[in-house]
PDB file of N, CA and C in Angstrom:
ATOM      1  N   UNK A   1       0.842  -1.178   0.000  1.00  0.00           N
ATOM      2  CA  UNK A   1       0.000   0.000   0.000  1.00  0.00           C
ATOM      3  C   UNK A   1       0.886   1.239   0.000  1.00  0.00           C
ATOM      4  N   UNK A   2       0.544   2.185  -0.833  1.00  0.00           N
ATOM      5  CA  UNK A   2       1.338   3.394  -0.966  1.00  0.00           C
ATOM      6  C   UNK A   2       1.006   4.371   0.159  1.00  0.00           C
ATOM      7  N   UNK A   3       2.018   4.943   0.767  1.00  0.00           N
ATOM      8  CA  UNK A   3       1.793   5.927   1.823  1.00  0.00           C
ATOM      9  C   UNK A   3       1.693   7.315   1.214  1.00  0.00           C
ATOM     10  N   UNK A   4       0.893   8.137   1.814  1.00  0.00           N
ATOM     11  CA  UNK A   4       0.682   9.505   1.333  1.00  0.00           C
ATOM     12  C   UNK A   4       1.688  10.417   2.017  1.00  0.00           C
ATOM     13  N   UNK A   5       2.396  11.172   1.211  1.00  0.00           N
ATOM     14  CA  UNK A   5       3.365  12.128   1.723  1.00  0.00           C
ATOM     15  C   UNK A   5       2.604  13.328   2.291  1.00  0.00           C
ATOM     16  N   UNK A   6       2.859  13.658   3.540  1.00  0.00           N
ATOM     17  CA  UNK A   6       2.131  14.754   4.198  1.00  0.00           C
ATOM     18  C   UNK A   6       2.546  16.129   3.673  1.00  0.00           C
ATOM     19  N   UNK A   7       3.654  16.201   2.947  1.00  0.00           N
ATOM     20  CA  UNK A   7       4.083  17.491   2.411  1.00  0.00           C
ATOM     21  C   UNK A   7       3.482  17.776   1.047  1.00  0.00           C
ATOM     22  N   UNK A   8       2.800  16.792   0.464  1.00  0.00           N
ATOM     23  CA  UNK A   8       2.177  16.973  -0.842  1.00  0.00           C
ATOM     24  C   UNK A   8       0.947  17.861  -0.694  1.00  0.00           C
ATOM     25  N   UNK A   9       0.874  18.878  -1.526  1.00  0.00           N
ATOM     26  CA  UNK A   9      -0.258  19.802  -1.511  1.00  0.00           C
ATOM     27  C   UNK A   9      -1.050  19.624  -2.801  1.00  0.00           C
ATOM     28  N   UNK A  10      -2.317  19.309  -2.659  1.00  0.00           N
ATOM     29  CA  UNK A  10      -3.207  19.135  -3.801  1.00  0.00           C
ATOM     30  C   UNK A  10      -4.008  20.418  -3.994  1.00  0.00           C
ATOM     31  N   UNK A  11      -4.151  20.818  -5.235  1.00  0.00           N
ATOM     32  CA  UNK A  11      -4.984  21.992  -5.514  1.00  0.00           C
ATOM     33  C   UNK A  11      -5.944  21.654  -6.648  1.00  0.00           C
ATOM     34  N   UNK A  12      -7.137  22.151  -6.523  1.00  0.00           N
ATOM     35  CA  UNK A  12      -8.189  21.918  -7.508  1.00  0.00           C
ATOM     36  C   UNK A  12      -8.757  23.278  -7.908  1.00  0.00           C
ATOM     37  N   UNK A  13      -8.607  23.614  -9.178  1.00  0.00           N
ATOM     38  CA  UNK A  13      -9.137  24.865  -9.705  1.00  0.00           C
ATOM     39  C   UNK A  13     -10.367  24.545 -10.538  1.00  0.00           C
ATOM     40  N   UNK A  14     -11.453  25.270 -10.284  1.00  0.00           N
ATOM     41  CA  UNK A  14     -12.719  24.999 -10.964  1.00  0.00           C
ATOM     42  C   UNK A  14     -13.245  26.290 -11.566  1.00  0.00           C
ATOM     43  N   UNK A  15     -13.503  26.260 -12.874  1.00  0.00           N
ATOM     44  CA  UNK A  15     -14.173  27.356 -13.562  1.00  0.00           C
ATOM     45  C   UNK A  15     -15.560  26.846 -13.916  1.00  0.00           C
ATOM     46  N   UNK A  16     -16.579  27.552 -13.496  1.00  0.00           N
ATOM     47  CA  UNK A  16     -17.947  27.092 -13.744  1.00  0.00           C
ATOM     48  C   UNK A  16     -18.738  28.156 -14.491  1.00  0.00           C
ATOM     49  N   UNK A  17     -19.672  27.671 -15.330  1.00  0.00           N
ATOM     50  CA  UNK A  17     -20.498  28.544 -16.165  1.00  0.00           C
ATOM     51  C   UNK A  17     -21.931  28.051 -16.090  1.00  0.00           C
ATOM     52  N   UNK A  18     -22.873  28.998 -15.969  1.00  0.00           N
ATOM     53  CA  UNK A  18     -24.288  28.655 -15.964  1.00  0.00           C
ATOM     54  C   UNK A  18     -25.092  29.818 -16.528  1.00  0.00           C
ATOM     55  N   UNK A  19     -26.212  29.490 -17.163  1.00  0.00           N
ATOM     56  CA  UNK A  19     -27.105  30.541 -17.649  1.00  0.00           C
ATOM     57  C   UNK A  19     -28.113  30.938 -16.583  1.00  0.00           C
ATOM     58  N   UNK A  20     -28.146  30.182 -15.494  1.00  0.00           N
ATOM     59  CA  UNK A  20     -29.071  30.452 -14.398  1.00  0.00           C
ATOM     60  C   UNK A  20     -28.254  30.851 -13.160  1.00  0.00           C
ATOM     61  N   UNK A  21     -28.379  32.080 -12.727  1.00  0.00           N
ATOM     62  CA  UNK A  21     -27.600  32.572 -11.593  1.00  0.00           C
ATOM     63  C   UNK A  21     -27.974  31.852 -10.303  1.00  0.00           C
ATOM     64  N   UNK A  22     -29.237  31.497 -10.146  1.00  0.00           N
ATOM     65  CA  UNK A  22     -29.678  30.819  -8.927  1.00  0.00           C
ATOM     66  C   UNK A  22     -29.033  29.431  -8.796  1.00  0.00           C
ATOM     67  N   UNK A  23     -28.927  28.691  -9.894  1.00  0.00           N
ATOM     68  CA  UNK A  23     -28.309  27.363  -9.821  1.00  0.00           C
ATOM     69  C   UNK A  23     -26.811  27.475  -9.558  1.00  0.00           C
ATOM     70  N   UNK A  24     -26.170  28.522 -10.060  1.00  0.00           N
ATOM     71  CA  UNK A  24     -24.743  28.718  -9.800  1.00  0.00           C
ATOM     72  C   UNK A  24     -24.500  29.056  -8.331  1.00  0.00           C
ATOM     73  N   UNK A  25     -25.382  29.854  -7.731  1.00  0.00           N
ATOM     74  CA  UNK A  25     -25.243  30.179  -6.307  1.00  0.00           C
ATOM     75  C   UNK A  25     -25.523  28.965  -5.431  1.00  0.00           C
ATOM     76  N   UNK A  26     -26.516  28.161  -5.796  1.00  0.00           N
ATOM     77  CA  UNK A  26     -26.792  26.924  -5.037  1.00  0.00           C
ATOM     78  C   UNK A  26     -25.618  25.967  -5.136  1.00  0.00           C
ATOM     79  N   UNK A  27     -24.996  25.893  -6.299  1.00  0.00           N
ATOM     80  CA  UNK A  27     -23.824  25.040  -6.491  1.00  0.00           C
ATOM     81  C   UNK A  27     -22.676  25.506  -5.604  1.00  0.00           C
ATOM     82  N   UNK A  28     -22.498  26.811  -5.489  1.00  0.00           N
ATOM     83  CA  UNK A  28     -21.391  27.316  -4.665  1.00  0.00           C
ATOM     84  C   UNK A  28     -21.656  27.091  -3.174  1.00  0.00           C
ATOM     85  N   UNK A  29     -22.928  26.957  -2.770  1.00  0.00           N
ATOM     86  CA  UNK A  29     -23.238  26.668  -1.366  1.00  0.00           C
ATOM     87  C   UNK A  29     -22.858  25.238  -0.986  1.00  0.00           C
ATOM     88  N   UNK A  30     -22.801  24.335  -1.963  1.00  0.00           N
ATOM     89  CA  UNK A  30     -22.430  22.952  -1.690  1.00  0.00           C
ATOM     90  C   UNK A  30     -20.934  22.784  -1.453  1.00  0.00           C
ATOM     91  N   UNK A  31     -20.168  23.765  -1.866  1.00  0.00           N
ATOM     92  CA  UNK A  31     -18.718  23.686  -1.711  1.00  0.00           C
ATOM     93  C   UNK A  31     -18.329  23.942  -0.260  1.00  0.00           C
ATOM     94  N   UNK A  32     -17.125  23.551   0.116  1.00  0.00           N
ATOM     95  CA  UNK A  32     -16.691  23.787   1.507  1.00  0.00           C
ATOM     96  C   UNK A  32     -16.792  25.259   1.882  1.00  0.00           C
ATOM     97  N   UNK A  33     -17.264  25.515   3.094  1.00  0.00           N
ATOM     98  CA  UNK A  33     -17.519  26.892   3.525  1.00  0.00           C
ATOM     99  C   UNK A  33     -16.244  27.679   3.776  1.00  0.00           C
ATOM    100  N   UNK A  34     -15.124  26.998   3.957  1.00  0.00           N
ATOM    101  CA  UNK A  34     -13.885  27.705   4.263  1.00  0.00           C
ATOM    102  C   UNK A  34     -13.266  28.324   3.018  1.00  0.00           C
ATOM    103  N   UNK A  35     -13.726  27.928   1.834  1.00  0.00           N
ATOM    104  CA  UNK A  35     -13.130  28.413   0.599  1.00  0.00           C
ATOM    105  C   UNK A  35     -13.926  29.592   0.045  1.00  0.00           C
ATOM    106  N   UNK A  36     -13.233  30.500  -0.564  1.00  0.00           N
ATOM    107  CA  UNK A  36     -13.862  31.657  -1.201  1.00  0.00           C
ATOM    108  C   UNK A  36     -14.020  31.376  -2.690  1.00  0.00           C
ATOM    109  N   UNK A  37     -15.132  31.780  -3.239  1.00  0.00           N
ATOM    110  CA  UNK A  37     -15.281  31.697  -4.682  1.00  0.00           C
ATOM    111  C   UNK A  37     -15.361  33.105  -5.234  1.00  0.00           C
ATOM    112  N   UNK A  38     -14.920  33.255  -6.455  1.00  0.00           N
ATOM    113  CA  UNK A  38     -14.856  34.554  -7.099  1.00  0.00           C
ATOM    114  C   UNK A  38     -15.821  34.574  -8.273  1.00  0.00           C
ATOM    115  N   UNK A  39     -16.659  35.565  -8.315  1.00  0.00           N
ATOM    116  CA  UNK A  39     -17.538  35.745  -9.459  1.00  0.00           C
ATOM    117  C   UNK A  39     -16.776  36.436 -10.575  1.00  0.00           C
ATOM    118  N   UNK A  40     -16.794  35.847 -11.735  1.00  0.00           N
ATOM    119  CA  UNK A  40     -16.117  36.435 -12.885  1.00  0.00           C
ATOM    120  C   UNK A  40     -17.114  37.257 -13.697  1.00  0.00           C
ATOM    121  N   UNK A  41     -16.646  37.816 -14.775  1.00  0.00           N
ATOM    122  CA  UNK A  41     -17.497  38.677 -15.580  1.00  0.00           C
ATOM    123  C   UNK A  41     -18.642  37.890 -16.204  1.00  0.00           C
ATOM    124  N   UNK A  42     -19.706  38.587 -16.483  1.00  0.00           N
ATOM    125  CA  UNK A  42     -20.882  37.997 -17.107  1.00  0.00           C
ATOM    126  C   UNK A  42     -20.760  38.168 -18.611  1.00  0.00           C
ATOM    127  N   UNK A  43     -21.034  37.098 -19.336  1.00  0.00           N
ATOM    128  CA  UNK A  43     -20.942  37.135 -20.791  1.00  0.00           C
ATOM    129  C   UNK A  43     -22.353  37.228 -21.363  1.00  0.00           C
ATOM    130  N   UNK A  44     -22.597  38.249 -22.175  1.00  0.00           N
ATOM    131  CA  UNK A  44     -23.919  38.477 -22.766  1.00  0.00           C
ATOM    132  C   UNK A  44     -23.805  38.349 -24.278  1.00  0.00           C
ATOM    133  N   UNK A  45     -24.676  37.497 -24.851  1.00  0.00           N
ATOM    134  CA  UNK A  45     -24.704  37.341 -26.302  1.00  0.00           C
ATOM    135  C   UNK A  45     -26.094  37.728 -26.792  1.00  0.00           C
ATOM    136  N   UNK A  46     -26.147  38.699 -27.665  1.00  0.00           N
ATOM    137  CA  UNK A  46     -27.425  39.172 -28.222  1.00  0.00           C
ATOM    138  C   UNK A  46     -27.484  38.818 -29.705  1.00  0.00           C
ATOM    139  N   UNK A  47     -28.675  38.403 -30.155  1.00  0.00           N
ATOM    140  CA  UNK A  47     -28.835  38.109 -31.571  1.00  0.00           C
ATOM    141  C   UNK A  47     -30.254  38.434 -32.001  1.00  0.00           C
ATOM    142  N   UNK A  48     -30.404  38.662 -33.298  1.00  0.00           N
ATOM    143  CA  UNK A  48     -31.677  39.081 -33.881  1.00  0.00           C
ATOM    144  C   UNK A  48     -32.084  38.094 -34.971  1.00  0.00           C
ATOM    145  N   UNK A  49     -33.355  37.719 -34.979  1.00  0.00           N
ATOM    146  CA  UNK A  49     -33.892  36.820 -35.995  1.00  0.00           C
ATOM    147  C   UNK A  49     -35.071  37.483 -36.695  1.00  0.00           C
ATOM    148  N   UNK A  50     -35.205  37.202 -37.985  1.00  0.00           N
ATOM    149  CA  UNK A  50     -36.376  37.675 -38.724  1.00  0.00           C
ATOM    150  C   UNK A  50     -37.582  36.844 -38.338  1.00  0.00           C
ATOM    151  N   UNK A  51     -38.744  37.486 -38.163  1.00  0.00           N
ATOM    152  CA  UNK A  51     -39.957  36.742 -37.831  1.00  0.00           C
ATOM    153  C   UNK A  51     -40.447  35.935 -39.025  1.00  0.00           C
ATOM    154  N   UNK A  52     -40.315  36.503 -40.197  1.00  0.00           N
ATOM    155  CA  UNK A  52     -40.788  35.839 -41.405  1.00  0.00           C
ATOM    156  C   UNK A  52     -39.650  35.804 -42.418  1.00  0.00           C
ATOM    157  N   UNK A  53     -39.350  34.644 -42.958  1.00  0.00           N
ATOM    158  CA  UNK A  53     -38.263  34.595 -43.946  1.00  0.00           C
ATOM    159  C   UNK A  53     -38.638  35.269 -45.268  1.00  0.00           C
ATOM    160  N   UNK A  54     -39.915  35.449 -45.496  1.00  0.00           N
ATOM    161  CA  UNK A  54     -40.372  36.095 -46.730  1.00  0.00           C
ATOM    162  C   UNK A  54     -41.076  37.399 -46.380  1.00  0.00           C
ATOM    163  N   UNK A  55     -40.987  38.367 -47.241  1.00  0.00           N
ATOM    164  CA  UNK A  55     -41.787  39.574 -47.090  1.00  0.00           C
ATOM    165  C   UNK A  55     -41.288  40.594 -46.100  1.00  0.00           C
ATOM    166  N   UNK A  56     -41.893  40.680 -44.935  1.00  0.00           N
ATOM    167  CA  UNK A  56     -41.693  41.768 -43.995  1.00  0.00           C
ATOM    168  C   UNK A  56     -40.308  41.674 -43.333  1.00  0.00           C
ATOM    169  N   UNK A  57     -39.385  42.479 -43.811  1.00  0.00           N
ATOM    170  CA  UNK A  57     -38.021  42.454 -43.275  1.00  0.00           C
ATOM    171  C   UNK A  57     -37.871  43.311 -42.016  1.00  0.00           C
ATOM    172  N   UNK A  58     -38.882  44.135 -41.714  1.00  0.00           N
ATOM    173  CA  UNK A  58     -38.792  44.982 -40.522  1.00  0.00           C
ATOM    174  C   UNK A  58     -39.240  44.255 -39.255  1.00  0.00           C
ATOM    175  N   UNK A  59     -39.963  43.138 -39.408  1.00  0.00           N
ATOM    176  CA  UNK A  59     -40.436  42.377 -38.250  1.00  0.00           C
ATOM    177  C   UNK A  59     -39.306  41.463 -37.766  1.00  0.00           C
ATOM    178  N   UNK A  60     -38.722  41.821 -36.627  1.00  0.00           N
ATOM    179  CA  UNK A  60     -37.586  41.065 -36.098  1.00  0.00           C
ATOM    180  C   UNK A  60     -37.789  40.790 -34.617  1.00  0.00           C
ATOM    181  N   UNK A  61     -37.250  39.664 -34.158  1.00  0.00           N
ATOM    182  CA  UNK A  61     -37.238  39.325 -32.735  1.00  0.00           C
ATOM    183  C   UNK A  61     -35.803  39.394 -32.240  1.00  0.00           C
ATOM    184  N   UNK A  62     -35.618  39.966 -31.057  1.00  0.00           N
ATOM    185  CA  UNK A  62     -34.291  40.053 -30.472  1.00  0.00           C
ATOM    186  C   UNK A  62     -34.229  39.180 -29.218  1.00  0.00           C
ATOM    187  N   UNK A  63     -33.137  38.437 -29.093  1.00  0.00           N
ATOM    188  CA  UNK A  63     -32.937  37.541 -27.968  1.00  0.00           C
ATOM    189  C   UNK A  63     -31.602  37.833 -27.304  1.00  0.00           C
ATOM    190  N   UNK A  64     -31.496  37.385 -26.068  1.00  0.00           N
ATOM    191  CA  UNK A  64     -30.281  37.623 -25.301  1.00  0.00           C
ATOM    192  C   UNK A  64     -29.986  36.383 -24.457  1.00  0.00           C
ATOM    193  N   UNK A  65     -28.742  35.962 -24.452  1.00  0.00           N
ATOM    194  CA  UNK A  65     -28.308  34.833 -23.618  1.00  0.00           C
ATOM    195  C   UNK A  65     -27.232  35.340 -22.668  1.00  0.00           C
ATOM    196  N   UNK A  66     -27.448  35.134 -21.376  1.00  0.00           N
ATOM    197  CA  UNK A  66     -26.520  35.607 -20.351  1.00  0.00           C
ATOM    198  C   UNK A  66     -25.862  34.403 -19.696  1.00  0.00           C
ATOM    199  N   UNK A  67     -24.534  34.410 -19.613  1.00  0.00           N
ATOM    200  CA  UNK A  67     -23.789  33.349 -18.934  1.00  0.00           C
ATOM    201  C   UNK A  67     -23.075  33.949 -17.732  1.00  0.00           C
ATOM    202  N   UNK A  68     -23.313  33.351 -16.576  1.00  0.00           N
ATOM    203  CA  UNK A  68     -22.653  33.768 -15.345  1.00  0.00           C
ATOM    204  C   UNK A  68     -21.498  32.809 -15.088  1.00  0.00           C
ATOM    205  N   UNK A  69     -20.354  33.352 -14.694  1.00  0.00           N
ATOM    206  CA  UNK A  69     -19.168  32.529 -14.496  1.00  0.00           C
ATOM    207  C   UNK A  69     -18.605  32.756 -13.104  1.00  0.00           C
ATOM    208  N   UNK A  70     -17.971  31.707 -12.560  1.00  0.00           N
ATOM    209  CA  UNK A  70     -17.299  31.837 -11.269  1.00  0.00           C
ATOM    210  C   UNK A  70     -16.058  30.951 -11.261  1.00  0.00           C
ATOM    211  N   UNK A  71     -15.179  31.223 -10.310  1.00  0.00           N
ATOM    212  CA  UNK A  71     -13.906  30.513 -10.179  1.00  0.00           C
ATOM    213  C   UNK A  71     -13.681  30.196  -8.708  1.00  0.00           C
ATOM    214  N   UNK A  72     -13.195  28.998  -8.442  1.00  0.00           N
ATOM    215  CA  UNK A  72     -12.852  28.616  -7.074  1.00  0.00           C
ATOM    216  C   UNK A  72     -11.596  27.762  -7.123  1.00  0.00           C
ATOM    217  N   UNK A  73     -10.750  27.937  -6.119  1.00  0.00           N
ATOM    218  CA  UNK A  73      -9.525  27.147  -5.994  1.00  0.00           C
ATOM    219  C   UNK A  73      -9.483  26.585  -4.576  1.00  0.00           C
ATOM    220  N   UNK A  74      -9.376  25.263  -4.483  1.00  0.00           N
ATOM    221  CA  UNK A  74      -9.313  24.599  -3.184  1.00  0.00           C
ATOM    222  C   UNK A  74      -7.961  23.924  -3.069  1.00  0.00           C
ATOM    223  N   UNK A  75      -7.265  24.195  -1.973  1.00  0.00           N
ATOM    224  CA  UNK A  75      -5.968  23.575  -1.708  1.00  0.00           C
ATOM    225  C   UNK A  75      -6.089  22.751  -0.439  1.00  0.00           C
ATOM    226  N   UNK A  76      -5.536  21.531  -0.507  1.00  0.00           N
ATOM    227  CA  UNK A  76      -5.647  20.638   0.628  1.00  0.00           C
ATOM    228  C   UNK A  76      -4.499  19.639   0.610  1.00  0.00           C
ATOM    229  N   UNK A  77      -4.132  19.175   1.785  1.00  0.00           N
ATOM    230  CA  UNK A  77      -3.137  18.104   1.893  1.00  0.00           C
ATOM    231  C   UNK A  77      -3.811  16.732   1.881  1.00  0.00           C
ATOM    232  N   UNK A  78      -5.117  16.709   2.005  1.00  0.00           N
ATOM    233  CA  UNK A  78      -5.879  15.482   2.040  1.00  0.00           C
ATOM    234  C   UNK A  78      -6.565  15.280   0.681  1.00  0.00           C
ATOM    235  N   UNK A  79      -6.207  14.238  -0.083  1.00  0.00           N
ATOM    236  CA  UNK A  79      -6.816  14.053  -1.411  1.00  0.00           C
ATOM    237  C   UNK A  79      -8.300  13.691  -1.347  1.00  0.00           C
ATOM    238  N   UNK A  80      -8.792  13.212  -0.206  1.00  0.00           N
ATOM    239  CA  UNK A  80     -10.212  12.863  -0.121  1.00  0.00           C
ATOM    240  C   UNK A  80     -11.102  14.105  -0.201  1.00  0.00           C
ATOM    241  N   UNK A  81     -10.607  15.257   0.251  1.00  0.00           N
ATOM    242  CA  UNK A  81     -11.386  16.492   0.113  1.00  0.00           C
ATOM    243  C   UNK A  81     -11.531  16.885  -1.359  1.00  0.00           C
ATOM    244  N   UNK A  82     -10.455  16.702  -2.123  1.00  0.00           N
ATOM    245  CA  UNK A  82     -10.505  17.008  -3.557  1.00  0.00           C
ATOM    246  C   UNK A  82     -11.458  16.040  -4.258  1.00  0.00           C
ATOM    247  N   UNK A  83     -11.414  14.753  -3.894  1.00  0.00           N
ATOM    248  CA  UNK A  83     -12.323  13.776  -4.487  1.00  0.00           C
ATOM    249  C   UNK A  83     -13.777  14.066  -4.114  1.00  0.00           C
ATOM    250  N   UNK A  84     -14.013  14.552  -2.902  1.00  0.00           N
ATOM    251  CA  UNK A  84     -15.360  14.949  -2.500  1.00  0.00           C
ATOM    252  C   UNK A  84     -15.876  16.106  -3.337  1.00  0.00           C
ATOM    253  N   UNK A  85     -15.006  17.070  -3.625  1.00  0.00           N
ATOM    254  CA  UNK A  85     -15.385  18.198  -4.480  1.00  0.00           C
ATOM    255  C   UNK A  85     -15.728  17.709  -5.883  1.00  0.00           C
ATOM    256  N   UNK A  86     -14.930  16.797  -6.412  1.00  0.00           N
ATOM    257  CA  UNK A  86     -15.201  16.274  -7.751  1.00  0.00           C
ATOM    258  C   UNK A  86     -16.511  15.485  -7.780  1.00  0.00           C
ATOM    259  N   UNK A  87     -16.853  14.828  -6.674  1.00  0.00           N
ATOM    260  CA  UNK A  87     -18.127  14.128  -6.590  1.00  0.00           C
ATOM    261  C   UNK A  87     -19.291  15.112  -6.621  1.00  0.00           C
ATOM    262  N   UNK A  88     -19.164  16.222  -5.912  1.00  0.00           N
ATOM    263  CA  UNK A  88     -20.202  17.262  -5.931  1.00  0.00           C
ATOM    264  C   UNK A  88     -20.358  17.831  -7.335  1.00  0.00           C
ATOM    265  N   UNK A  89     -19.243  18.025  -8.029  1.00  0.00           N
ATOM    266  CA  UNK A  89     -19.302  18.556  -9.392  1.00  0.00           C
ATOM    267  C   UNK A  89     -20.023  17.601 -10.328  1.00  0.00           C
ATOM    268  N   UNK A  90     -19.845  16.297 -10.109  1.00  0.00           N
ATOM    269  CA  UNK A  90     -20.529  15.318 -10.946  1.00  0.00           C
ATOM    270  C   UNK A  90     -22.029  15.309 -10.738  1.00  0.00           C
ATOM    271  N   UNK A  91     -22.502  15.714  -9.575  1.00  0.00           N
ATOM    272  CA  UNK A  91     -23.930  15.708  -9.252  1.00  0.00           C
ATOM    273  C   UNK A  91     -24.651  16.982  -9.699  1.00  0.00           C
ATOM    274  N   UNK A  92     -23.904  18.014 -10.055  1.00  0.00           N
ATOM    275  CA  UNK A  92     -24.530  19.305 -10.360  1.00  0.00           C
ATOM    276  C   UNK A  92     -25.257  19.264 -11.697  1.00  0.00           C
ATOM    277  N   UNK A  93     -26.389  19.936 -11.753  1.00  0.00           N
ATOM    278  CA  UNK A  93     -27.149  20.029 -12.999  1.00  0.00           C
ATOM    279  C   UNK A  93     -27.310  21.501 -13.359  1.00  0.00           C
ATOM    280  N   UNK A  94     -27.167  21.790 -14.609  1.00  0.00           N
ATOM    281  CA  UNK A  94     -27.319  23.159 -15.072  1.00  0.00           C
ATOM    282  C   UNK A  94     -26.060  23.999 -14.937  1.00  0.00           C
ATOM    283  N   UNK A  95     -24.987  23.413 -14.429  1.00  0.00           N
ATOM    284  CA  UNK A  95     -23.725  24.127 -14.264  1.00  0.00           C
ATOM    285  C   UNK A  95     -22.645  23.343 -14.981  1.00  0.00           C
ATOM    286  N   UNK A  96     -21.993  23.979 -15.943  1.00  0.00           N
ATOM    287  CA  UNK A  96     -20.870  23.349 -16.632  1.00  0.00           C
ATOM    288  C   UNK A  96     -19.596  23.736 -15.908  1.00  0.00           C
ATOM    289  N   UNK A  97     -18.682  22.802 -15.808  1.00  0.00           N
ATOM    290  CA  UNK A  97     -17.456  23.061 -15.055  1.00  0.00           C
ATOM    291  C   UNK A  97     -16.237  22.556 -15.822  1.00  0.00           C
ATOM    292  N   UNK A  98     -15.144  23.274 -15.624  1.00  0.00           N
ATOM    293  CA  UNK A  98     -13.845  22.844 -16.127  1.00  0.00           C
ATOM    294  C   UNK A  98     -12.951  22.731 -14.894  1.00  0.00           C
ATOM    295  N   UNK A  99     -12.310  21.568 -14.715  1.00  0.00           N
ATOM    296  CA  UNK A  99     -11.561  21.272 -13.495  1.00  0.00           C
ATOM    297  C   UNK A  99     -10.106  21.015 -13.845  1.00  0.00           C
ATOM    298  N   UNK A 100      -9.218  21.582 -13.046  1.00  0.00           N
ATOM    299  CA  UNK A 100      -7.784  21.351 -13.170  1.00  0.00           C
ATOM    300  C   UNK A 100      -7.264  20.953 -11.794  1.00  0.00           C
ATOM    301  N   UNK A 101      -6.734  19.721 -11.686  1.00  0.00           N
ATOM    302  CA  UNK A 101      -6.222  19.221 -10.428  1.00  0.00           C
ATOM    303  C   UNK A 101      -4.703  19.094 -10.550  1.00  0.00           C
ATOM    304  N   UNK A 102      -3.984  19.655  -9.571  1.00  0.00           N
ATOM    305  CA  UNK A 102      -2.524  19.616  -9.568  1.00  0.00           C
ATOM    306  C   UNK A 102      -2.047  19.173  -8.193  1.00  0.00           C
ATOM    307  N   UNK A 103      -0.848  18.637  -8.149  1.00  0.00           N
ATOM    308  CA  UNK A 103      -0.218  18.366  -6.843  1.00  0.00           C
ATOM    309  C   UNK A 103       1.228  18.770  -6.898  1.00  0.00           C
ATOM    310  N   UNK A 104       1.739  19.236  -5.761  1.00  0.00           N
ATOM    311  CA  UNK A 104       3.130  19.651  -5.651  1.00  0.00           C
ATOM    312  C   UNK A 104       3.733  19.004  -4.418  1.00  0.00           C
ATOM    313  N   UNK A 105       4.985  18.694  -4.501  1.00  0.00           N
ATOM    314  CA  UNK A 105       5.698  18.089  -3.360  1.00  0.00           C
ATOM    315  C   UNK A 105       6.386  19.162  -2.556  1.00  0.00           C
TER     316      UNK A 105
END
């Protein structure tokens, strides 16, 4: 059995994106309370569609898609805390995440 070096520091960086601000805030409440999360800039995409492909070119509908983003970094000497975070990320719905896990001796 491999022994865990107590000087090894594990870090997990998570970038998350959601179109629903409420689901992103609920997701951040599931994370450990000792860690701070940072809200990143909001990305807004606007686009216009014609109501009718023929005839009336002045009739248009405008839509907007808003993406809320956040970033969190968790550092721990215990790898089970990092695995617990990854388990929470797997259970989340409506939130897309990009995860980077590193360790240093």
